[in-house]
Each structure stands twice: as C-alpha cells, then as structure tokens.
Full PDB file with SEQRES, HELIX, SHEET, SSBOND, CRYST1, ORIGX, SCALE, CONECT and MASTER records, all heavy atoms in Angstrom:
SEQRES   1 A   36  LYS ALA ILE GLY GLU ASN LEU HIS ILE ASP TYR SER TYR          
SEQRES   2 A   36  GLY LEU ASP LEU PRO ASP ASP ILE SER GLN TYR ASP LEU          
SEQRES   3 A   36  VAL ILE LEU CYS ALA GLY CYS SER ILE SER                      
CRYST1    1.000    1.000    1.000  90.00  90.00  90.00 P 1           1          
ORIGX1      1.000000  0.000000  0.000000        0.00000                         
ORIGX2      0.000000  1.000000  0.000000        0.00000                         
ORIGX3      0.000000  0.000000  1.000000        0.00000                         
SCALE1      1.000000  0.000000  0.000000        0.00000                         
SCALE2      0.000000  1.000000  0.000000        0.00000                         
SCALE3      0.000000  0.000000  1.000000        0.00000                         
ATOM      1  N   LYS A   1     -32.740  16.761  12.624  1.00  0.00           N  
ATOM      2  CA  LYS A   1     -33.645  16.816  13.771  1.00  0.00           C  
ATOM      3  C   LYS A   1     -33.137  17.845  14.791  1.00  0.00           C  
ATOM      4  O   LYS A   1     -33.920  18.577  15.407  1.00  0.00           O  
ATOM      5  CB  LYS A   1     -33.733  15.438  14.425  1.00  0.00           C  
ATOM      6  CG  LYS A   1     -34.785  15.333  15.528  1.00  0.00           C  
ATOM      7  CD  LYS A   1     -34.716  13.993  16.247  1.00  0.00           C  
ATOM      8  CE  LYS A   1     -34.963  12.837  15.288  1.00  0.00           C  
ATOM      9  NZ  LYS A   1     -34.940  11.527  16.008  1.00  0.00           N  
ATOM     10  N   ALA A   2     -31.810  17.919  14.962  1.00  0.00           N  
ATOM     11  CA  ALA A   2     -31.224  18.832  15.954  1.00  0.00           C  
ATOM     12  C   ALA A   2     -31.067  20.253  15.433  1.00  0.00           C  
ATOM     13  O   ALA A   2     -31.180  21.218  16.192  1.00  0.00           O  
ATOM     14  CB  ALA A   2     -29.863  18.294  16.405  1.00  0.00           C  
ATOM     15  N   ILE A   3     -30.811  20.407  14.129  1.00  0.00           N  
ATOM     16  CA  ILE A   3     -30.480  21.726  13.574  1.00  0.00           C  
ATOM     17  C   ILE A   3     -31.598  22.304  12.721  1.00  0.00           C  
ATOM     18  O   ILE A   3     -31.882  23.498  12.764  1.00  0.00           O  
ATOM     19  CB  ILE A   3     -29.170  21.629  12.753  1.00  0.00           C  
ATOM     20  CG1 ILE A   3     -28.019  21.192  13.666  1.00  0.00           C  
ATOM     21  CG2 ILE A   3     -28.845  22.949  12.080  1.00  0.00           C  
ATOM     22  CD1 ILE A   3     -26.785  20.733  12.932  1.00  0.00           C  
ATOM     23  N   GLY A   4     -32.227  21.476  11.933  1.00  0.00           N  
ATOM     24  CA  GLY A   4     -33.291  21.956  11.045  1.00  0.00           C  
ATOM     25  C   GLY A   4     -33.331  21.131   9.772  1.00  0.00           C  
ATOM     26  O   GLY A   4     -32.291  20.678   9.274  1.00  0.00           O  
ATOM     27  N   GLU A   5     -34.514  20.966   9.237  1.00  0.00           N  
ATOM     28  CA  GLU A   5     -34.699  20.104   8.073  1.00  0.00           C  
ATOM     29  C   GLU A   5     -34.011  20.637   6.818  1.00  0.00           C  
ATOM     30  O   GLU A   5     -33.726  19.884   5.894  1.00  0.00           O  
ATOM     31  CB  GLU A   5     -36.198  19.910   7.790  1.00  0.00           C  
ATOM     32  CG  GLU A   5     -36.903  19.037   8.810  1.00  0.00           C  
ATOM     33  CD  GLU A   5     -36.338  17.617   8.839  1.00  0.00           C  
ATOM     34  OE1 GLU A   5     -36.005  17.091   7.753  1.00  0.00           O  
ATOM     35  OE2 GLU A   5     -36.212  17.058   9.937  1.00  0.00           O  
ATOM     36  N   ASN A   6     -33.718  21.926   6.773  1.00  0.00           N  
ATOM     37  CA  ASN A   6     -33.117  22.516   5.572  1.00  0.00           C  
ATOM     38  C   ASN A   6     -31.594  22.534   5.606  1.00  0.00           C  
ATOM     39  O   ASN A   6     -30.961  23.121   4.717  1.00  0.00           O  
ATOM     40  CB  ASN A   6     -33.646  23.932   5.363  1.00  0.00           C  
ATOM     41  CG  ASN A   6     -35.139  23.938   5.057  1.00  0.00           C  
ATOM     42  OD1 ASN A   6     -35.631  23.079   4.322  1.00  0.00           O  
ATOM     43  ND2 ASN A   6     -35.861  24.909   5.628  1.00  0.00           N  
ATOM     44  N   LEU A   7     -30.999  21.919   6.631  1.00  0.00           N  
ATOM     45  CA  LEU A   7     -29.540  21.847   6.702  1.00  0.00           C  
ATOM     46  C   LEU A   7     -29.008  21.193   5.433  1.00  0.00           C  
ATOM     47  O   LEU A   7     -29.469  20.136   5.016  1.00  0.00           O  
ATOM     48  CB  LEU A   7     -29.115  21.025   7.926  1.00  0.00           C  
ATOM     49  CG  LEU A   7     -27.612  20.767   8.076  1.00  0.00           C  
ATOM     50  CD1 LEU A   7     -26.877  22.062   8.386  1.00  0.00           C  
ATOM     51  CD2 LEU A   7     -27.356  19.720   9.162  1.00  0.00           C  
ATOM     52  N   HIS A   8     -28.014  21.835   4.810  1.00  0.00           N  
ATOM     53  CA  HIS A   8     -27.451  21.309   3.551  1.00  0.00           C  
ATOM     54  C   HIS A   8     -26.336  20.320   3.875  1.00  0.00           C  
ATOM     55  O   HIS A   8     -25.351  20.663   4.536  1.00  0.00           O  
ATOM     56  CB  HIS A   8     -26.909  22.442   2.689  1.00  0.00           C  
ATOM     57  CG  HIS A   8     -26.488  21.989   1.332  1.00  0.00           C  
ATOM     58  ND1 HIS A   8     -27.297  22.119   0.224  1.00  0.00           N  
ATOM     59  CD2 HIS A   8     -25.357  21.381   0.900  1.00  0.00           C  
ATOM     60  CE1 HIS A   8     -26.681  21.619  -0.826  1.00  0.00           C  
ATOM     61  NE2 HIS A   8     -25.497  21.165  -0.443  1.00  0.00           N  
ATOM     62  N   ILE A   9     -26.474  19.084   3.413  1.00  0.00           N  
ATOM     63  CA  ILE A   9     -25.483  18.030   3.657  1.00  0.00           C  
ATOM     64  C   ILE A   9     -25.017  17.466   2.324  1.00  0.00           C  
ATOM     65  O   ILE A   9     -25.817  17.057   1.489  1.00  0.00           O  
ATOM     66  CB  ILE A   9     -26.077  16.898   4.523  1.00  0.00           C  
ATOM     67  CG1 ILE A   9     -26.563  17.447   5.868  1.00  0.00           C  
ATOM     68  CG2 ILE A   9     -25.034  15.797   4.748  1.00  0.00           C  
ATOM     69  CD1 ILE A   9     -27.262  16.415   6.733  1.00  0.00           C  
ATOM     70  N   ASP A  10     -23.709  17.465   2.121  1.00  0.00           N  
ATOM     71  CA  ASP A  10     -23.107  16.832   0.946  1.00  0.00           C  
ATOM     72  C   ASP A  10     -22.412  15.549   1.367  1.00  0.00           C  
ATOM     73  O   ASP A  10     -22.011  15.384   2.529  1.00  0.00           O  
ATOM     74  CB  ASP A  10     -22.092  17.770   0.283  1.00  0.00           C  
ATOM     75  CG  ASP A  10     -22.752  18.947  -0.411  1.00  0.00           C  
ATOM     76  OD1 ASP A  10     -23.929  18.811  -0.794  1.00  0.00           O  
ATOM     77  OD2 ASP A  10     -22.098  19.992  -0.556  1.00  0.00           O  
ATOM     78  N   TYR A  11     -22.228  14.647   0.402  1.00  0.00           N  
ATOM     79  CA  TYR A  11     -21.588  13.371   0.669  1.00  0.00           C  
ATOM     80  C   TYR A  11     -20.411  13.182  -0.281  1.00  0.00           C  
ATOM     81  O   TYR A  11     -20.471  13.565  -1.445  1.00  0.00           O  
ATOM     82  CB  TYR A  11     -22.580  12.210   0.483  1.00  0.00           C  
ATOM     83  CG  TYR A  11     -23.831  12.358   1.311  1.00  0.00           C  
ATOM     84  CD1 TYR A  11     -24.943  13.030   0.803  1.00  0.00           C  
ATOM     85  CD2 TYR A  11     -23.898  11.860   2.604  1.00  0.00           C  
ATOM     86  CE1 TYR A  11     -26.091  13.189   1.564  1.00  0.00           C  
ATOM     87  CE2 TYR A  11     -25.040  12.009   3.368  1.00  0.00           C  
ATOM     88  CZ  TYR A  11     -26.136  12.684   2.848  1.00  0.00           C  
ATOM     89  OH  TYR A  11     -27.269  12.846   3.600  1.00  0.00           O  
ATOM     90  N   SER A  12     -19.344  12.601   0.239  1.00  0.00           N  
ATOM     91  CA  SER A  12     -18.176  12.315  -0.578  1.00  0.00           C  
ATOM     92  C   SER A  12     -17.674  10.929  -0.210  1.00  0.00           C  
ATOM     93  O   SER A  12     -17.643  10.574   0.978  1.00  0.00           O  
ATOM     94  CB  SER A  12     -17.082  13.360  -0.325  1.00  0.00           C  
ATOM     95  OG  SER A  12     -15.917  13.073  -1.071  1.00  0.00           O  
ATOM     96  N   TYR A  13     -17.279  10.152  -1.218  1.00  0.00           N  
ATOM     97  CA  TYR A  13     -16.846   8.782  -0.982  1.00  0.00           C  
ATOM     98  C   TYR A  13     -15.445   8.563  -1.534  1.00  0.00           C  
ATOM     99  O   TYR A  13     -15.064   9.141  -2.547  1.00  0.00           O  
ATOM    100  CB  TYR A  13     -17.822   7.791  -1.636  1.00  0.00           C  
ATOM    101  CG  TYR A  13     -19.242   7.955  -1.152  1.00  0.00           C  
ATOM    102  CD1 TYR A  13     -20.175   8.648  -1.926  1.00  0.00           C  
ATOM    103  CD2 TYR A  13     -19.643   7.449   0.074  1.00  0.00           C  
ATOM    104  CE1 TYR A  13     -21.476   8.816  -1.483  1.00  0.00           C  
ATOM    105  CE2 TYR A  13     -20.947   7.607   0.529  1.00  0.00           C  
ATOM    106  CZ  TYR A  13     -21.858   8.294  -0.250  1.00  0.00           C  
ATOM    107  OH  TYR A  13     -23.143   8.464   0.192  1.00  0.00           O  
ATOM    108  N   GLY A  14     -14.676   7.732  -0.862  1.00  0.00           N  
ATOM    109  CA  GLY A  14     -13.323   7.438  -1.307  1.00  0.00           C  
ATOM    110  C   GLY A  14     -12.287   8.005  -0.358  1.00  0.00           C  
ATOM    111  O   GLY A  14     -12.598   8.458   0.745  1.00  0.00           O  
ATOM    112  N   LEU A  15     -11.035   8.012  -0.789  1.00  0.00           N  
ATOM    113  CA  LEU A  15      -9.930   8.405   0.076  1.00  0.00           C  
ATOM    114  C   LEU A  15      -9.662   9.905   0.081  1.00  0.00           C  
ATOM    115  O   LEU A  15      -8.937  10.389   0.954  1.00  0.00           O  
ATOM    116  CB  LEU A  15      -8.652   7.674  -0.353  1.00  0.00           C  
ATOM    117  CG  LEU A  15      -8.691   6.147  -0.232  1.00  0.00           C  
ATOM    118  CD1 LEU A  15      -7.389   5.548  -0.759  1.00  0.00           C  
ATOM    119  CD2 LEU A  15      -8.932   5.708   1.199  1.00  0.00           C  
ATOM    120  N   ASP A  16     -10.215  10.645  -0.867  1.00  0.00           N  
ATOM    121  CA  ASP A  16      -9.881  12.058  -1.008  1.00  0.00           C  
ATOM    122  C   ASP A  16     -11.052  12.967  -0.678  1.00  0.00           C  
ATOM    123  O   ASP A  16     -12.191  12.689  -1.048  1.00  0.00           O  
ATOM    124  CB  ASP A  16      -9.424  12.351  -2.445  1.00  0.00           C  
ATOM    125  CG  ASP A  16      -8.220  11.519  -2.847  1.00  0.00           C  
ATOM    126  OD1 ASP A  16      -7.374  11.267  -1.966  1.00  0.00           O  
ATOM    127  OD2 ASP A  16      -8.131  11.126  -4.025  1.00  0.00           O  
ATOM    128  N   LEU A  17     -10.754  14.071   0.003  1.00  0.00           N  
ATOM    129  CA  LEU A  17     -11.752  15.102   0.231  1.00  0.00           C  
ATOM    130  C   LEU A  17     -12.002  15.865  -1.064  1.00  0.00           C  
ATOM    131  O   LEU A  17     -11.139  15.901  -1.950  1.00  0.00           O  
ATOM    132  CB  LEU A  17     -11.263  16.077   1.306  1.00  0.00           C  
ATOM    133  CG  LEU A  17     -11.183  15.562   2.744  1.00  0.00           C  
ATOM    134  CD1 LEU A  17     -10.533  16.617   3.632  1.00  0.00           C  
ATOM    135  CD2 LEU A  17     -12.557  15.204   3.278  1.00  0.00           C  
ATOM    136  N   PRO A  18     -13.155  16.516  -1.203  1.00  0.00           N  
ATOM    137  CA  PRO A  18     -13.387  17.376  -2.378  1.00  0.00           C  
ATOM    138  C   PRO A  18     -12.341  18.486  -2.451  1.00  0.00           C  
ATOM    139  O   PRO A  18     -11.709  18.828  -1.440  1.00  0.00           O  
ATOM    140  CB  PRO A  18     -14.797  17.942  -2.121  1.00  0.00           C  
ATOM    141  CG  PRO A  18     -15.441  16.972  -1.193  1.00  0.00           C  
ATOM    142  CD  PRO A  18     -14.336  16.437  -0.323  1.00  0.00           C  
ATOM    143  N   ASP A  19     -12.177  19.048  -3.629  1.00  0.00           N  
ATOM    144  CA  ASP A  19     -11.138  20.058  -3.832  1.00  0.00           C  
ATOM    145  C   ASP A  19     -11.332  21.289  -2.957  1.00  0.00           C  
ATOM    146  O   ASP A  19     -10.377  21.813  -2.398  1.00  0.00           O  
ATOM    147  CB  ASP A  19     -11.098  20.481  -5.306  1.00  0.00           C  
ATOM    148  CG  ASP A  19     -10.673  19.338  -6.211  1.00  0.00           C  
ATOM    149  OD1 ASP A  19      -9.970  18.440  -5.727  1.00  0.00           O  
ATOM    150  OD2 ASP A  19     -11.064  19.346  -7.393  1.00  0.00           O  
ATOM    151  N   ASP A  20     -12.561  21.765  -2.832  1.00  0.00           N  
ATOM    152  CA  ASP A  20     -12.833  22.995  -2.074  1.00  0.00           C  
ATOM    153  C   ASP A  20     -13.690  22.669  -0.863  1.00  0.00           C  
ATOM    154  O   ASP A  20     -14.894  22.449  -0.981  1.00  0.00           O  
ATOM    155  CB  ASP A  20     -13.539  24.020  -2.958  1.00  0.00           C  
ATOM    156  CG  ASP A  20     -13.834  25.313  -2.209  1.00  0.00           C  
ATOM    157  OD1 ASP A  20     -13.200  25.528  -1.145  1.00  0.00           O  
ATOM    158  OD2 ASP A  20     -14.684  26.089  -2.672  1.00  0.00           O  
ATOM    159  N   ILE A  21     -13.077  22.643   0.306  1.00  0.00           N  
ATOM    160  CA  ILE A  21     -13.863  22.376   1.522  1.00  0.00           C  
ATOM    161  C   ILE A  21     -14.119  23.649   2.327  1.00  0.00           C  
ATOM    162  O   ILE A  21     -14.775  23.591   3.369  1.00  0.00           O  
ATOM    163  CB  ILE A  21     -13.185  21.318   2.406  1.00  0.00           C  
ATOM    164  CG1 ILE A  21     -11.839  21.838   2.923  1.00  0.00           C  
ATOM    165  CG2 ILE A  21     -13.027  19.994   1.679  1.00  0.00           C  
ATOM    166  CD1 ILE A  21     -11.333  21.052   4.103  1.00  0.00           C  
ATOM    167  N   SER A  22     -13.619  24.780   1.832  1.00  0.00           N  
ATOM    168  CA  SER A  22     -13.807  26.033   2.568  1.00  0.00           C  
ATOM    169  C   SER A  22     -15.271  26.437   2.637  1.00  0.00           C  
ATOM    170  O   SER A  22     -15.659  27.256   3.472  1.00  0.00           O  
ATOM    171  CB  SER A  22     -12.988  27.155   1.917  1.00  0.00           C  
ATOM    172  OG  SER A  22     -13.415  27.374   0.573  1.00  0.00           O  
ATOM    173  N   GLN A  23     -16.107  25.864   1.772  1.00  0.00           N  
ATOM    174  CA  GLN A  23     -17.534  26.191   1.766  1.00  0.00           C  
ATOM    175  C   GLN A  23     -18.294  25.518   2.907  1.00  0.00           C  
ATOM    176  O   GLN A  23     -19.452  25.834   3.150  1.00  0.00           O  
ATOM    177  CB  GLN A  23     -18.152  25.745   0.443  1.00  0.00           C  
ATOM    178  CG  GLN A  23     -18.036  24.241   0.184  1.00  0.00           C  
ATOM    179  CD  GLN A  23     -18.573  23.809  -1.148  1.00  0.00           C  
ATOM    180  OE1 GLN A  23     -19.714  24.093  -1.484  1.00  0.00           O  
ATOM    181  NE2 GLN A  23     -17.734  23.142  -1.938  1.00  0.00           N  
ATOM    182  N   TYR A  24     -17.627  24.591   3.608  1.00  0.00           N  
ATOM    183  CA  TYR A  24     -18.326  23.821   4.642  1.00  0.00           C  
ATOM    184  C   TYR A  24     -18.081  24.389   6.038  1.00  0.00           C  
ATOM    185  O   TYR A  24     -17.034  24.959   6.332  1.00  0.00           O  
ATOM    186  CB  TYR A  24     -17.886  22.359   4.597  1.00  0.00           C  
ATOM    187  CG  TYR A  24     -18.293  21.683   3.312  1.00  0.00           C  
ATOM    188  CD1 TYR A  24     -17.346  21.387   2.324  1.00  0.00           C  
ATOM    189  CD2 TYR A  24     -19.628  21.377   3.058  1.00  0.00           C  
ATOM    190  CE1 TYR A  24     -17.720  20.788   1.131  1.00  0.00           C  
ATOM    191  CE2 TYR A  24     -20.012  20.776   1.865  1.00  0.00           C  
ATOM    192  CZ  TYR A  24     -19.059  20.493   0.910  1.00  0.00           C  
ATOM    193  OH  TYR A  24     -19.434  19.909  -0.266  1.00  0.00           O  
ATOM    194  N   ASP A  25     -19.076  24.199   6.891  1.00  0.00           N  
ATOM    195  CA  ASP A  25     -18.978  24.615   8.291  1.00  0.00           C  
ATOM    196  C   ASP A  25     -18.524  23.469   9.183  1.00  0.00           C  
ATOM    197  O   ASP A  25     -18.129  23.702  10.324  1.00  0.00           O  
ATOM    198  CB  ASP A  25     -20.339  25.139   8.766  1.00  0.00           C  
ATOM    199  CG  ASP A  25     -20.803  26.330   7.952  1.00  0.00           C  
ATOM    200  OD1 ASP A  25     -20.248  27.427   8.160  1.00  0.00           O  
ATOM    201  OD2 ASP A  25     -21.703  26.166   7.096  1.00  0.00           O  
ATOM    202  N   LEU A  26     -18.591  22.246   8.658  1.00  0.00           N  
ATOM    203  CA  LEU A  26     -18.129  21.082   9.412  1.00  0.00           C  
ATOM    204  C   LEU A  26     -17.901  19.934   8.435  1.00  0.00           C  
ATOM    205  O   LEU A  26     -18.711  19.694   7.540  1.00  0.00           O  
ATOM    206  CB  LEU A  26     -19.168  20.655  10.463  1.00  0.00           C  
ATOM    207  CG  LEU A  26     -18.848  19.395  11.275  1.00  0.00           C  
ATOM    208  CD1 LEU A  26     -17.602  19.612  12.143  1.00  0.00           C  
ATOM    209  CD2 LEU A  26     -20.033  18.979  12.145  1.00  0.00           C  
ATOM    210  N   VAL A  27     -16.777  19.231   8.620  1.00  0.00           N  
ATOM    211  CA  VAL A  27     -16.493  17.998   7.875  1.00  0.00           C  
ATOM    212  C   VAL A  27     -16.574  16.844   8.859  1.00  0.00           C  
ATOM    213  O   VAL A  27     -15.965  16.888   9.934  1.00  0.00           O  
ATOM    214  CB  VAL A  27     -15.101  18.045   7.217  1.00  0.00           C  
ATOM    215  CG1 VAL A  27     -14.729  16.671   6.648  1.00  0.00           C  
ATOM    216  CG2 VAL A  27     -15.059  19.097   6.117  1.00  0.00           C  
ATOM    217  N   ILE A  28     -17.334  15.803   8.501  1.00  0.00           N  
ATOM    218  CA  ILE A  28     -17.499  14.635   9.363  1.00  0.00           C  
ATOM    219  C   ILE A  28     -16.905  13.426   8.654  1.00  0.00           C  
ATOM    220  O   ILE A  28     -17.381  13.026   7.585  1.00  0.00           O  
ATOM    221  CB  ILE A  28     -18.980  14.371   9.684  1.00  0.00           C  
ATOM    222  CG1 ILE A  28     -19.613  15.608  10.327  1.00  0.00           C  
ATOM    223  CG2 ILE A  28     -19.128  13.160  10.602  1.00  0.00           C  
ATOM    224  CD1 ILE A  28     -21.125  15.481  10.534  1.00  0.00           C  
ATOM    225  N   LEU A  29     -15.854  12.841   9.239  1.00  0.00           N  
ATOM    226  CA  LEU A  29     -15.224  11.663   8.672  1.00  0.00           C  
ATOM    227  C   LEU A  29     -15.905  10.398   9.184  1.00  0.00           C  
ATOM    228  O   LEU A  29     -16.491  10.385  10.265  1.00  0.00           O  
ATOM    229  CB  LEU A  29     -13.743  11.595   9.056  1.00  0.00           C  
ATOM    230  CG  LEU A  29     -12.847  12.774   8.684  1.00  0.00           C  
ATOM    231  CD1 LEU A  29     -11.418  12.471   9.122  1.00  0.00           C  
ATOM    232  CD2 LEU A  29     -12.897  13.058   7.191  1.00  0.00           C  
ATOM    233  N   CYS A  30     -15.773   9.312   8.417  1.00  0.00           N  
ATOM    234  CA  CYS A  30     -16.286   8.021   8.876  1.00  0.00           C  
ATOM    235  C   CYS A  30     -15.405   7.514  10.018  1.00  0.00           C  
ATOM    236  O   CYS A  30     -14.442   8.165  10.422  1.00  0.00           O  
ATOM    237  CB  CYS A  30     -16.330   7.014   7.732  1.00  0.00           C  
ATOM    238  SG  CYS A  30     -14.711   6.567   7.082  1.00  0.00           S  
ATOM    239  N   ALA A  31     -15.716   6.325  10.537  1.00  0.00           N  
ATOM    240  CA  ALA A  31     -14.955   5.782  11.663  1.00  0.00           C  
ATOM    241  C   ALA A  31     -13.488   5.570  11.312  1.00  0.00           C  
ATOM    242  O   ALA A  31     -12.610   5.676  12.171  1.00  0.00           O  
ATOM    243  CB  ALA A  31     -15.585   4.468  12.118  1.00  0.00           C  
ATOM    244  N   GLY A  32     -13.208   5.253  10.063  1.00  0.00           N  
ATOM    245  CA  GLY A  32     -11.819   5.068   9.645  1.00  0.00           C  
ATOM    246  C   GLY A  32     -11.305   3.652   9.817  1.00  0.00           C  
ATOM    247  O   GLY A  32     -10.098   3.427   9.799  1.00  0.00           O  
ATOM    248  N   CYS A  33     -12.225   2.680   9.963  1.00  0.00           N  
ATOM    249  CA  CYS A  33     -11.774   1.309  10.232  1.00  0.00           C  
ATOM    250  C   CYS A  33     -11.083   0.675   9.039  1.00  0.00           C  
ATOM    251  O   CYS A  33     -10.320  -0.279   9.204  1.00  0.00           O  
ATOM    252  CB  CYS A  33     -12.946   0.450  10.696  1.00  0.00           C  
ATOM    253  SG  CYS A  33     -14.293   0.300   9.500  1.00  0.00           S  
ATOM    254  N   SER A  34     -11.307   1.179   7.825  1.00  0.00           N  
ATOM    255  CA  SER A  34     -10.725   0.538   6.644  1.00  0.00           C  
ATOM    256  C   SER A  34      -9.796   1.453   5.859  1.00  0.00           C  
ATOM    257  O   SER A  34      -9.431   1.154   4.732  1.00  0.00           O  
ATOM    258  CB  SER A  34     -11.839   0.023   5.716  1.00  0.00           C  
ATOM    259  OG  SER A  34     -12.610   1.093   5.219  1.00  0.00           O  
ATOM    260  N   ILE A  35      -9.402   2.585   6.456  1.00  0.00           N  
ATOM    261  CA  ILE A  35      -8.458   3.476   5.785  1.00  0.00           C  
ATOM    262  C   ILE A  35      -7.250   3.694   6.692  1.00  0.00           C  
ATOM    263  O   ILE A  35      -7.304   3.426   7.893  1.00  0.00           O  
ATOM    264  CB  ILE A  35      -9.100   4.833   5.410  1.00  0.00           C  
ATOM    265  CG1 ILE A  35      -9.651   5.546   6.651  1.00  0.00           C  
ATOM    266  CG2 ILE A  35     -10.192   4.628   4.381  1.00  0.00           C  
ATOM    267  CD1 ILE A  35     -10.263   6.897   6.348  1.00  0.00           C  
ATOM    268  N   SER A  36      -6.153   4.156   6.122  1.00  0.00           N  
ATOM    269  CA  SER A  36      -4.905   4.270   6.874  1.00  0.00           C  
ATOM    270  C   SER A  36      -4.882   5.498   7.770  1.00  0.00           C  
ATOM    271  O   SER A  36      -5.632   6.458   7.579  1.00  0.00           O  
ATOM    272  CB  SER A  36      -3.725   4.335   5.900  1.00  0.00           C  
ATOM    273  OG  SER A  36      -3.725   5.578   5.205  1.00  0.00           O  
TER     274      SER A  36                                                      
MASTER        0    0    0    0    0    0    0    6  273    1    0    3          
END                                                                             
C-alpha cells in the first residue's frame, strides 16, 4: 500500500537466513519472542 503493489516480497522461515541476502534491499525480522 505504501510502496506499490508490484513490490517483490520473499518469505523465509526458521532460524537461518537464506544463503544469498545481497539481492534484498531490506530484511525484516520477526519480533524474536521465541528465538535466542
């Protein structure tokens, strides 16, 4: 809604980030209530 409908968003689940994050312009982490 703020940036545009064609914004590309990927999702990743678990404790590890994907191998190559250099392709992203921003990484958004969850709240972190259940991880160390």
